[in-house]
PDB file of N, CA and C in Angstrom:
ATOM      1  N   UNK A   1      -6.807  -7.798  -4.962  1.00  0.00           N
ATOM      2  CA  UNK A   1      -5.493  -8.261  -4.545  1.00  0.00           C
ATOM      3  C   UNK A   1      -4.809  -8.927  -5.719  1.00  0.00           C
ATOM      4  N   UNK A   2      -3.528  -8.816  -5.765  1.00  0.00           N
ATOM      5  CA  UNK A   2      -2.798  -9.410  -6.880  1.00  0.00           C
ATOM      6  C   UNK A   2      -2.592 -10.893  -6.640  1.00  0.00           C
ATOM      7  N   UNK A   3      -2.353 -11.597  -7.741  1.00  0.00           N
ATOM      8  CA  UNK A   3      -2.072 -13.028  -7.618  1.00  0.00           C
ATOM      9  C   UNK A   3      -0.664 -13.266  -7.126  1.00  0.00           C
ATOM     10  N   UNK A   4       0.181 -12.236  -7.089  1.00  0.00           N
ATOM     11  CA  UNK A   4       1.570 -12.424  -6.727  1.00  0.00           C
ATOM     12  C   UNK A   4       1.885 -12.156  -5.277  1.00  0.00           C
ATOM     13  N   UNK A   5       0.899 -11.878  -4.457  1.00  0.00           N
ATOM     14  CA  UNK A   5       1.197 -11.486  -3.089  1.00  0.00           C
ATOM     15  C   UNK A   5       0.973 -12.633  -2.114  1.00  0.00           C
ATOM     16  N   UNK A   6       1.978 -12.893  -1.309  1.00  0.00           N
ATOM     17  CA  UNK A   6       1.855 -13.836  -0.199  1.00  0.00           C
ATOM     18  C   UNK A   6       2.702 -13.346   0.961  1.00  0.00           C
ATOM     19  N   UNK A   7       2.891 -12.041   1.033  1.00  0.00           N
ATOM     20  CA  UNK A   7       3.787 -11.489   2.030  1.00  0.00           C
ATOM     21  C   UNK A   7       3.311 -11.579   3.451  1.00  0.00           C
ATOM     22  N   UNK A   8       2.032 -11.750   3.685  1.00  0.00           N
ATOM     23  CA  UNK A   8       1.535 -11.831   5.041  1.00  0.00           C
ATOM     24  C   UNK A   8       0.084 -12.250   5.039  1.00  0.00           C
ATOM     25  N   UNK A   9      -0.473 -12.331   6.232  1.00  0.00           N
ATOM     26  CA  UNK A   9      -1.826 -12.844   6.358  1.00  0.00           C
ATOM     27  C   UNK A   9      -2.841 -11.997   5.620  1.00  0.00           C
ATOM     28  N   UNK A  10      -2.655 -10.683   5.550  1.00  0.00           N
ATOM     29  CA  UNK A  10      -3.628  -9.826   4.926  1.00  0.00           C
ATOM     30  C   UNK A  10      -3.408  -9.618   3.441  1.00  0.00           C
ATOM     31  N   UNK A  11      -2.411 -10.265   2.848  1.00  0.00           N
ATOM     32  CA  UNK A  11      -2.089 -10.002   1.452  1.00  0.00           C
ATOM     33  C   UNK A  11      -2.323 -11.194   0.533  1.00  0.00           C
ATOM     34  N   UNK A  12      -3.067 -12.171   0.974  1.00  0.00           N
ATOM     35  CA  UNK A  12      -3.350 -13.326   0.124  1.00  0.00           C
ATOM     36  C   UNK A  12      -4.357 -12.941  -0.942  1.00  0.00           C
ATOM     37  N   UNK A  13      -4.133 -13.451  -2.145  1.00  0.00           N
ATOM     38  CA  UNK A  13      -5.096 -13.241  -3.225  1.00  0.00           C
ATOM     39  C   UNK A  13      -6.296 -14.149  -3.001  1.00  0.00           C
ATOM     40  N   UNK A  14      -7.352 -13.891  -3.749  1.00  0.00           N
ATOM     41  CA  UNK A  14      -8.532 -14.750  -3.700  1.00  0.00           C
ATOM     42  C   UNK A  14      -8.154 -16.174  -4.075  1.00  0.00           C
ATOM     43  N   UNK A  15      -7.321 -16.327  -5.092  1.00  0.00           N
ATOM     44  CA  UNK A  15      -6.879 -17.666  -5.505  1.00  0.00           C
ATOM     45  C   UNK A  15      -6.111 -18.353  -4.381  1.00  0.00           C
ATOM     46  N   UNK A  16      -5.220 -17.611  -3.717  1.00  0.00           N
ATOM     47  CA  UNK A  16      -4.455 -18.178  -2.607  1.00  0.00           C
ATOM     48  C   UNK A  16      -5.393 -18.684  -1.511  1.00  0.00           C
ATOM     49  N   UNK A  17      -6.368 -17.881  -1.156  1.00  0.00           N
ATOM     50  CA  UNK A  17      -7.310 -18.273  -0.101  1.00  0.00           C
ATOM     51  C   UNK A  17      -8.109 -19.508  -0.509  1.00  0.00           C
ATOM     52  N   UNK A  18      -8.522 -19.577  -1.773  1.00  0.00           N
ATOM     53  CA  UNK A  18      -9.277 -20.740  -2.245  1.00  0.00           C
ATOM     54  C   UNK A  18      -8.418 -21.998  -2.201  1.00  0.00           C
ATOM     55  N   UNK A  19      -7.153 -21.871  -2.578  1.00  0.00           N
ATOM     56  CA  UNK A  19      -6.238 -23.021  -2.536  1.00  0.00           C
ATOM     57  C   UNK A  19      -6.032 -23.472  -1.102  1.00  0.00           C
ATOM     58  N   UNK A  20      -5.751 -22.541  -0.197  1.00  0.00           N
ATOM     59  CA  UNK A  20      -5.542 -22.894   1.212  1.00  0.00           C
ATOM     60  C   UNK A  20      -6.787 -23.526   1.815  1.00  0.00           C
ATOM     61  N   UNK A  21      -7.938 -22.951   1.524  1.00  0.00           N
ATOM     62  CA  UNK A  21      -9.185 -23.491   2.065  1.00  0.00           C
ATOM     63  C   UNK A  21      -9.419 -24.910   1.552  1.00  0.00           C
ATOM     64  N   UNK A  22      -9.190 -25.123   0.264  1.00  0.00           N
ATOM     65  CA  UNK A  22      -9.373 -26.466  -0.305  1.00  0.00           C
ATOM     66  C   UNK A  22      -8.428 -27.469   0.348  1.00  0.00           C
ATOM     67  N   UNK A  23      -7.151 -27.107   0.471  1.00  0.00           N
ATOM     68  CA  UNK A  23      -6.184 -28.035   1.052  1.00  0.00           C
ATOM     69  C   UNK A  23      -6.457 -28.274   2.534  1.00  0.00           C
ATOM     70  N   UNK A  24      -6.928 -27.258   3.242  1.00  0.00           N
ATOM     71  CA  UNK A  24      -7.268 -27.440   4.654  1.00  0.00           C
ATOM     72  C   UNK A  24      -8.411 -28.441   4.797  1.00  0.00           C
ATOM     73  N   UNK A  25      -9.339 -28.430   3.849  1.00  0.00           N
ATOM     74  CA  UNK A  25     -10.487 -29.341   3.901  1.00  0.00           C
ATOM     75  C   UNK A  25     -10.161 -30.734   3.368  1.00  0.00           C
ATOM     76  N   UNK A  26      -9.324 -30.806   2.320  1.00  0.00           N
ATOM     77  CA  UNK A  26      -9.091 -32.092   1.656  1.00  0.00           C
ATOM     78  C   UNK A  26      -7.882 -32.849   2.182  1.00  0.00           C
ATOM     79  N   UNK A  27      -6.976 -32.161   2.822  1.00  0.00           N
ATOM     80  CA  UNK A  27      -5.748 -32.810   3.287  1.00  0.00           C
ATOM     81  C   UNK A  27      -4.618 -32.635   2.301  1.00  0.00           C
ATOM     82  N   UNK A  28      -4.635 -33.396   1.230  1.00  0.00           N
ATOM     83  CA  UNK A  28      -3.613 -33.292   0.179  1.00  0.00           C
ATOM     84  C   UNK A  28      -4.294 -33.349  -1.178  1.00  0.00           C
ATOM     85  N   UNK A  29      -3.672 -32.754  -2.183  1.00  0.00           N
ATOM     86  CA  UNK A  29      -4.234 -32.816  -3.527  1.00  0.00           C
ATOM     87  C   UNK A  29      -3.206 -32.386  -4.550  1.00  0.00           C
ATOM     88  N   UNK A  30      -3.415 -32.834  -5.765  1.00  0.00           N
ATOM     89  CA  UNK A  30      -2.583 -32.446  -6.903  1.00  0.00           C
ATOM     90  C   UNK A  30      -3.048 -31.090  -7.429  1.00  0.00           C
ATOM     91  N   UNK A  31      -2.150 -30.303  -8.006  1.00  0.00           N
ATOM     92  CA  UNK A  31      -2.550 -29.001  -8.546  1.00  0.00           C
ATOM     93  C   UNK A  31      -3.729 -29.079  -9.517  1.00  0.00           C
ATOM     94  N   UNK A  32      -3.759 -30.074 -10.383  1.00  0.00           N
ATOM     95  CA  UNK A  32      -4.864 -30.185 -11.336  1.00  0.00           C
ATOM     96  C   UNK A  32      -6.195 -30.414 -10.616  1.00  0.00           C
ATOM     97  N   UNK A  33      -6.172 -31.200  -9.552  1.00  0.00           N
ATOM     98  CA  UNK A  33      -7.403 -31.444  -8.803  1.00  0.00           C
ATOM     99  C   UNK A  33      -7.765 -30.247  -7.937  1.00  0.00           C
ATOM    100  N   UNK A  34      -6.751 -29.535  -7.434  1.00  0.00           N
ATOM    101  CA  UNK A  34      -7.031 -28.286  -6.718  1.00  0.00           C
ATOM    102  C   UNK A  34      -7.761 -27.339  -7.667  1.00  0.00           C
ATOM    103  N   UNK A  35      -7.243 -27.229  -8.887  1.00  0.00           N
ATOM    104  CA  UNK A  35      -7.868 -26.349  -9.881  1.00  0.00           C
ATOM    105  C   UNK A  35      -9.307 -26.789 -10.146  1.00  0.00           C
ATOM    106  N   UNK A  36      -9.515 -28.057 -10.352  1.00  0.00           N
ATOM    107  CA  UNK A  36     -10.848 -28.576 -10.634  1.00  0.00           C
ATOM    108  C   UNK A  36     -11.814 -28.298  -9.490  1.00  0.00           C
ATOM    109  N   UNK A  37     -11.338 -28.446  -8.265  1.00  0.00           N
ATOM    110  CA  UNK A  37     -12.198 -28.279  -7.092  1.00  0.00           C
ATOM    111  C   UNK A  37     -12.390 -26.832  -6.657  1.00  0.00           C
ATOM    112  N   UNK A  38     -11.586 -25.931  -7.183  1.00  0.00           N
ATOM    113  CA  UNK A  38     -11.703 -24.517  -6.800  1.00  0.00           C
ATOM    114  C   UNK A  38     -12.197 -23.639  -7.940  1.00  0.00           C
ATOM    115  N   UNK A  39     -12.286 -24.195  -9.148  1.00  0.00           N
ATOM    116  CA  UNK A  39     -12.710 -23.415 -10.297  1.00  0.00           C
ATOM    117  C   UNK A  39     -11.620 -22.524 -10.861  1.00  0.00           C
ATOM    118  N   UNK A  40     -10.378 -22.762 -10.449  1.00  0.00           N
ATOM    119  CA  UNK A  40      -9.240 -21.981 -10.940  1.00  0.00           C
ATOM    120  C   UNK A  40      -8.577 -22.715 -12.101  1.00  0.00           C
ATOM    121  N   UNK A  41      -7.826 -21.988 -12.899  1.00  0.00           N
ATOM    122  CA  UNK A  41      -7.097 -22.592 -14.014  1.00  0.00           C
ATOM    123  C   UNK A  41      -5.833 -23.283 -13.503  1.00  0.00           C
ATOM    124  N   UNK A  42      -5.489 -24.403 -14.098  1.00  0.00           N
ATOM    125  CA  UNK A  42      -4.333 -25.194 -13.667  1.00  0.00           C
ATOM    126  C   UNK A  42      -3.036 -24.372 -13.642  1.00  0.00           C
ATOM    127  N   UNK A  43      -2.708 -23.604 -14.705  1.00  0.00           N
ATOM    128  CA  UNK A  43      -1.451 -22.835 -14.641  1.00  0.00           C
ATOM    129  C   UNK A  43      -1.419 -21.843 -13.480  1.00  0.00           C
ATOM    130  N   UNK A  44      -2.564 -21.233 -13.166  1.00  0.00           N
ATOM    131  CA  UNK A  44      -2.624 -20.308 -12.028  1.00  0.00           C
ATOM    132  C   UNK A  44      -2.387 -21.060 -10.732  1.00  0.00           C
ATOM    133  N   UNK A  45      -3.037 -22.198 -10.566  1.00  0.00           N
ATOM    134  CA  UNK A  45      -2.862 -22.998  -9.349  1.00  0.00           C
ATOM    135  C   UNK A  45      -1.401 -23.426  -9.203  1.00  0.00           C
ATOM    136  N   UNK A  46      -0.781 -23.853 -10.295  1.00  0.00           N
ATOM    137  CA  UNK A  46       0.621 -24.267 -10.218  1.00  0.00           C
ATOM    138  C   UNK A  46       1.505 -23.108  -9.769  1.00  0.00           C
ATOM    139  N   UNK A  47       1.292 -21.914 -10.334  1.00  0.00           N
ATOM    140  CA  UNK A  47       2.093 -20.738  -9.940  1.00  0.00           C
ATOM    141  C   UNK A  47       1.843 -20.361  -8.490  1.00  0.00           C
ATOM    142  N   UNK A  48       0.580 -20.351  -8.087  1.00  0.00           N
ATOM    143  CA  UNK A  48       0.247 -19.944  -6.724  1.00  0.00           C
ATOM    144  C   UNK A  48       0.728 -20.982  -5.713  1.00  0.00           C
ATOM    145  N   UNK A  49       0.669 -22.270  -6.061  1.00  0.00           N
ATOM    146  CA  UNK A  49       1.184 -23.295  -5.148  1.00  0.00           C
ATOM    147  C   UNK A  49       2.685 -23.116  -4.934  1.00  0.00           C
ATOM    148  N   UNK A  50       3.413 -22.783  -5.985  1.00  0.00           N
ATOM    149  CA  UNK A  50       4.845 -22.522  -5.831  1.00  0.00           C
ATOM    150  C   UNK A  50       5.075 -21.340  -4.897  1.00  0.00           C
ATOM    151  N   UNK A  51       4.290 -20.280  -5.051  1.00  0.00           N
ATOM    152  CA  UNK A  51       4.435 -19.103  -4.192  1.00  0.00           C
ATOM    153  C   UNK A  51       4.010 -19.413  -2.759  1.00  0.00           C
ATOM    154  N   UNK A  52       2.933 -20.156  -2.594  1.00  0.00           N
ATOM    155  CA  UNK A  52       2.482 -20.527  -1.253  1.00  0.00           C
ATOM    156  C   UNK A  52       3.486 -21.446  -0.571  1.00  0.00           C
ATOM    157  N   UNK A  53       4.117 -22.307  -1.344  1.00  0.00           N
ATOM    158  CA  UNK A  53       5.178 -23.158  -0.792  1.00  0.00           C
ATOM    159  C   UNK A  53       6.360 -22.296  -0.345  1.00  0.00           C
ATOM    160  N   UNK A  54       6.771 -21.352  -1.182  1.00  0.00           N
ATOM    161  CA  UNK A  54       7.892 -20.470  -0.836  1.00  0.00           C
ATOM    162  C   UNK A  54       7.588 -19.654   0.419  1.00  0.00           C
ATOM    163  N   UNK A  55       6.304 -19.335   0.641  1.00  0.00           N
ATOM    164  CA  UNK A  55       5.896 -18.568   1.819  1.00  0.00           C
ATOM    165  C   UNK A  55       5.695 -19.453   3.044  1.00  0.00           C
ATOM    166  N   UNK A  56       5.860 -20.779   2.878  1.00  0.00           N
ATOM    167  CA  UNK A  56       5.706 -21.702   4.001  1.00  0.00           C
ATOM    168  C   UNK A  56       4.269 -22.010   4.357  1.00  0.00           C
ATOM    169  N   UNK A  57       3.334 -21.731   3.442  1.00  0.00           N
ATOM    170  CA  UNK A  57       1.926 -21.958   3.732  1.00  0.00           C
ATOM    171  C   UNK A  57       1.431 -23.324   3.286  1.00  0.00           C
ATOM    172  N   UNK A  58       2.097 -23.921   2.312  1.00  0.00           N
ATOM    173  CA  UNK A  58       1.820 -25.295   1.906  1.00  0.00           C
ATOM    174  C   UNK A  58       3.158 -25.993   1.702  1.00  0.00           C
ATOM    175  N   UNK A  59       3.113 -27.306   1.599  1.00  0.00           N
ATOM    176  CA  UNK A  59       4.345 -28.060   1.400  1.00  0.00           C
ATOM    177  C   UNK A  59       4.080 -29.233   0.477  1.00  0.00           C
ATOM    178  N   UNK A  60       5.073 -29.591  -0.341  1.00  0.00           N
ATOM    179  CA  UNK A  60       4.896 -30.777  -1.181  1.00  0.00           C
ATOM    180  C   UNK A  60       4.969 -32.022  -0.309  1.00  0.00           C
ATOM    181  N   UNK A  61       4.189 -33.007  -0.661  1.00  0.00           N
ATOM    182  CA  UNK A  61       4.139 -34.252   0.102  1.00  0.00           C
ATOM    183  C   UNK A  61       4.994 -35.313  -0.561  1.00  0.00           C
ATOM    184  N   UNK A  62       5.027 -35.327  -1.893  1.00  0.00           N
ATOM    185  CA  UNK A  62       5.791 -36.312  -2.636  1.00  0.00           C
ATOM    186  C   UNK A  62       6.535 -35.619  -3.766  1.00  0.00           C
ATOM    187  N   UNK A  63       7.344 -36.347  -4.480  1.00  0.00           N
ATOM    188  CA  UNK A  63       8.030 -35.809  -5.643  1.00  0.00           C
ATOM    189  C   UNK A  63       7.090 -35.563  -6.809  1.00  0.00           C
ATOM    190  N   UNK A  64       5.861 -36.013  -6.688  1.00  0.00           N
ATOM    191  CA  UNK A  64       4.862 -35.835  -7.739  1.00  0.00           C
ATOM    192  C   UNK A  64       4.078 -34.543  -7.568  1.00  0.00           C
ATOM    193  N   UNK A  65       4.516 -33.673  -6.719  1.00  0.00           N
ATOM    194  CA  UNK A  65       3.887 -32.388  -6.430  1.00  0.00           C
ATOM    195  C   UNK A  65       2.448 -32.572  -5.945  1.00  0.00           C
ATOM    196  N   UNK A  66       2.332 -33.228  -4.836  1.00  0.00           N
ATOM    197  CA  UNK A  66       1.080 -33.395  -4.117  1.00  0.00           C
ATOM    198  C   UNK A  66       1.202 -32.507  -2.890  1.00  0.00           C
ATOM    199  N   UNK A  67       0.336 -31.497  -2.779  1.00  0.00           N
ATOM    200  CA  UNK A  67       0.481 -30.500  -1.725  1.00  0.00           C
ATOM    201  C   UNK A  67      -0.470 -30.736  -0.566  1.00  0.00           C
ATOM    202  N   UNK A  68      -0.056 -30.223   0.598  1.00  0.00           N
ATOM    203  CA  UNK A  68      -0.936 -30.129   1.758  1.00  0.00           C
ATOM    204  C   UNK A  68      -0.650 -28.792   2.436  1.00  0.00           C
ATOM    205  N   UNK A  69      -1.594 -28.327   3.199  1.00  0.00           N
ATOM    206  CA  UNK A  69      -1.439 -27.060   3.903  1.00  0.00           C
ATOM    207  C   UNK A  69      -0.600 -27.295   5.162  1.00  0.00           C
ATOM    208  N   UNK A  70       0.262 -26.331   5.490  1.00  0.00           N
ATOM    209  CA  UNK A  70       1.055 -26.411   6.717  1.00  0.00           C
ATOM    210  C   UNK A  70       0.232 -25.855   7.873  1.00  0.00           C
ATOM    211  N   UNK A  71       0.712 -26.029   9.089  1.00  0.00           N
ATOM    212  CA  UNK A  71       0.021 -25.453  10.241  1.00  0.00           C
ATOM    213  C   UNK A  71      -0.041 -23.934  10.111  1.00  0.00           C
ATOM    214  N   UNK A  72       1.046 -23.327   9.656  1.00  0.00           N
ATOM    215  CA  UNK A  72       1.041 -21.876   9.436  1.00  0.00           C
ATOM    216  C   UNK A  72      -0.013 -21.501   8.396  1.00  0.00           C
ATOM    217  N   UNK A  73      -0.118 -22.281   7.352  1.00  0.00           N
ATOM    218  CA  UNK A  73      -1.127 -22.036   6.328  1.00  0.00           C
ATOM    219  C   UNK A  73      -2.544 -22.148   6.880  1.00  0.00           C
ATOM    220  N   UNK A  74      -2.767 -23.107   7.789  1.00  0.00           N
ATOM    221  CA  UNK A  74      -4.083 -23.244   8.425  1.00  0.00           C
ATOM    222  C   UNK A  74      -4.404 -21.999   9.245  1.00  0.00           C
ATOM    223  N   UNK A  75      -3.411 -21.503   9.974  1.00  0.00           N
ATOM    224  CA  UNK A  75      -3.623 -20.303  10.786  1.00  0.00           C
ATOM    225  C   UNK A  75      -3.959 -19.109   9.902  1.00  0.00           C
ATOM    226  N   UNK A  76      -3.239 -18.970   8.807  1.00  0.00           N
ATOM    227  CA  UNK A  76      -3.497 -17.876   7.868  1.00  0.00           C
ATOM    228  C   UNK A  76      -4.885 -18.029   7.267  1.00  0.00           C
ATOM    229  N   UNK A  77      -5.229 -19.240   6.854  1.00  0.00           N
ATOM    230  CA  UNK A  77      -6.535 -19.478   6.241  1.00  0.00           C
ATOM    231  C   UNK A  77      -7.656 -19.141   7.211  1.00  0.00           C
ATOM    232  N   UNK A  78      -7.507 -19.530   8.484  1.00  0.00           N
ATOM    233  CA  UNK A  78      -8.536 -19.227   9.481  1.00  0.00           C
ATOM    234  C   UNK A  78      -8.689 -17.726   9.680  1.00  0.00           C
ATOM    235  N   UNK A  79      -7.600 -16.999   9.642  1.00  0.00           N
ATOM    236  CA  UNK A  79      -7.679 -15.556   9.865  1.00  0.00           C
ATOM    237  C   UNK A  79      -8.259 -14.837   8.664  1.00  0.00           C
ATOM    238  N   UNK A  80      -8.240 -15.479   7.500  1.00  0.00           N
ATOM    239  CA  UNK A  80      -8.735 -14.859   6.272  1.00  0.00           C
ATOM    240  C   UNK A  80     -10.225 -15.076   6.087  1.00  0.00           C
ATOM    241  N   UNK A  81     -10.830 -16.059   6.777  1.00  0.00           N
ATOM    242  CA  UNK A  81     -12.232 -16.402   6.498  1.00  0.00           C
ATOM    243  C   UNK A  81     -13.125 -15.930   7.609  1.00  0.00           C
TER     244      UNK A  81
END
């Protein structure tokens, strides 16, 4: 799967699923800590978080770009695992 796909539940990349799973478990986290906890590179996490936010699967919590998973994101994550 490409890193650029977030069009629907069946089109999430491996990185997207790892980010959603981490946020579903942790509540909220910074992109750098998401990267550290998922084994992904920070620039990839930052790009994917922007795409996941645009798709309504995660949302920023503060102006410091602290993300959490949305209810829709939880539903997608559950269907992916």
